[in-house]
Amino acid sequence: LQAIPGVKVHGLTDPAAFARRVPTVSFTHPQVDPAALAICLDNHGVYVWNGHNYALPVVQFLGIGEGGVVRVGPTHYNTLAEIDHAVELI
């Protein structure tokens, strides 16, 4: 995701710190509404979440905006193939 122009991954991105994080990734793009992107991905068979994920004060503190983030997670929610497909679509 970090290689896609404009995409900002929120949270730990340093591979040396991956042991301190969960595999769920939240990201934004300044020109794409998180809800619209979530709907687009859903239309292509990839389920993701969008919004503030019950962390509105954190989203506001980080200046992310009312639309929140798109969140994708390769654990119980998405297969690795779905993650690859999502990256292709984004």
Protein backbone atom coordinates (compact mmCIF):
# COMPACT_ATOMS: atom_id res chain seq x y z
CA LEU A 1 0.00 0.00 0.00
CA GLN A 2 2.82 2.40 0.80
CA ALA A 3 4.04 2.14 -2.81
CA ILE A 4 0.74 3.54 -4.14
CA PRO A 5 0.98 7.30 -4.72
CA GLY A 6 -1.09 9.26 -2.20
CA VAL A 7 -1.87 6.33 0.10
CA LYS A 8 -0.97 6.92 3.75
CA VAL A 9 -0.77 3.90 6.01
CA HIS A 10 -1.64 4.84 9.60
CA GLY A 11 0.25 3.07 12.34
CA LEU A 12 3.52 1.20 12.50
CA THR A 13 5.12 0.78 9.06
CA ASP A 14 8.69 -0.09 9.98
CA PRO A 15 9.26 -3.84 9.37
CA ALA A 16 11.45 -3.92 12.49
CA ALA A 17 8.37 -2.99 14.55
CA PHE A 18 5.95 -5.52 13.04
CA ALA A 19 6.16 -7.73 16.14
CA ARG A 20 4.46 -4.87 18.02
CA ARG A 21 1.44 -4.58 15.76
CA VAL A 22 -1.53 -6.59 14.55
CA PRO A 23 -1.84 -7.34 10.82
CA THR A 24 -4.86 -5.06 10.38
CA VAL A 25 -3.92 -1.98 8.36
CA SER A 26 -5.70 1.38 8.25
CA PHE A 27 -5.04 3.75 5.38
CA THR A 28 -6.32 6.86 3.64
CA HIS A 29 -5.92 8.63 0.32
CA PRO A 30 -6.57 12.39 0.17
CA GLN A 31 -8.59 12.13 -3.05
CA VAL A 32 -10.66 9.03 -2.24
CA ASP A 33 -13.53 8.85 0.25
CA PRO A 34 -13.04 5.81 2.53
CA ALA A 35 -16.68 4.75 2.17
CA ALA A 36 -16.52 4.95 -1.64
CA LEU A 37 -13.35 2.86 -1.68
CA ALA A 38 -14.89 0.29 0.67
CA ILE A 39 -17.93 0.00 -1.61
CA CYS A 40 -15.71 -0.34 -4.67
CA LEU A 41 -13.67 -3.10 -3.06
CA ASP A 42 -16.85 -4.85 -1.89
CA ASN A 43 -18.17 -4.76 -5.46
CA HIS A 44 -15.02 -6.65 -6.45
CA GLY A 45 -15.34 -9.29 -3.72
CA VAL A 46 -13.02 -7.78 -1.09
CA TYR A 47 -14.61 -6.91 2.24
CA VAL A 48 -13.02 -4.07 4.20
CA TRP A 49 -14.21 -1.61 6.85
CA ASN A 50 -14.35 2.14 6.68
CA GLY A 51 -14.93 4.93 9.12
CA HIS A 52 -13.54 5.83 12.52
CA ASN A 53 -13.81 2.25 13.87
CA TYR A 54 -15.14 3.39 17.25
CA ALA A 55 -12.06 5.57 17.74
CA LEU A 56 -13.45 8.96 16.77
CA PRO A 57 -11.30 10.92 19.26
CA VAL A 58 -8.16 9.25 17.86
CA VAL A 59 -9.21 9.96 14.26
CA GLN A 60 -9.90 13.58 15.17
CA PHE A 61 -6.61 13.92 17.07
CA LEU A 62 -4.68 12.56 14.08
CA GLY A 63 -6.50 14.96 11.75
CA ILE A 64 -7.68 12.15 9.52
CA GLY A 65 -11.11 13.66 8.86
CA GLU A 66 -14.75 12.73 9.23
CA GLY A 67 -14.56 9.90 6.68
CA GLY A 68 -12.04 8.04 8.78
CA VAL A 69 -9.93 5.31 7.22
CA VAL A 70 -10.20 2.15 5.18
CA ARG A 71 -9.20 -0.88 7.22
CA VAL A 72 -8.18 -4.26 5.86
CA GLY A 73 -6.93 -7.26 7.79
CA PRO A 74 -5.34 -10.51 6.59
CA THR A 75 -6.38 -12.61 9.56
CA HIS A 76 -9.92 -13.86 10.02
CA TYR A 77 -11.31 -11.31 7.59
CA ASN A 78 -9.37 -11.40 4.32
CA THR A 79 -7.32 -14.01 2.53
CA LEU A 80 -3.88 -13.09 1.21
CA ALA A 81 -5.33 -13.35 -2.32
CA GLU A 82 -7.99 -10.79 -1.38
CA ILE A 83 -5.31 -8.48 0.01
CA ASP A 84 -3.35 -8.73 -3.26
CA HIS A 85 -6.55 -8.08 -5.23
CA ALA A 86 -7.37 -5.06 -3.05
CA VAL A 87 -3.92 -3.58 -3.67
CA GLU A 88 -4.36 -4.09 -7.43
CA LEU A 89 -7.74 -2.33 -7.31
CA ILE A 90 -6.49 0.57 -5.21
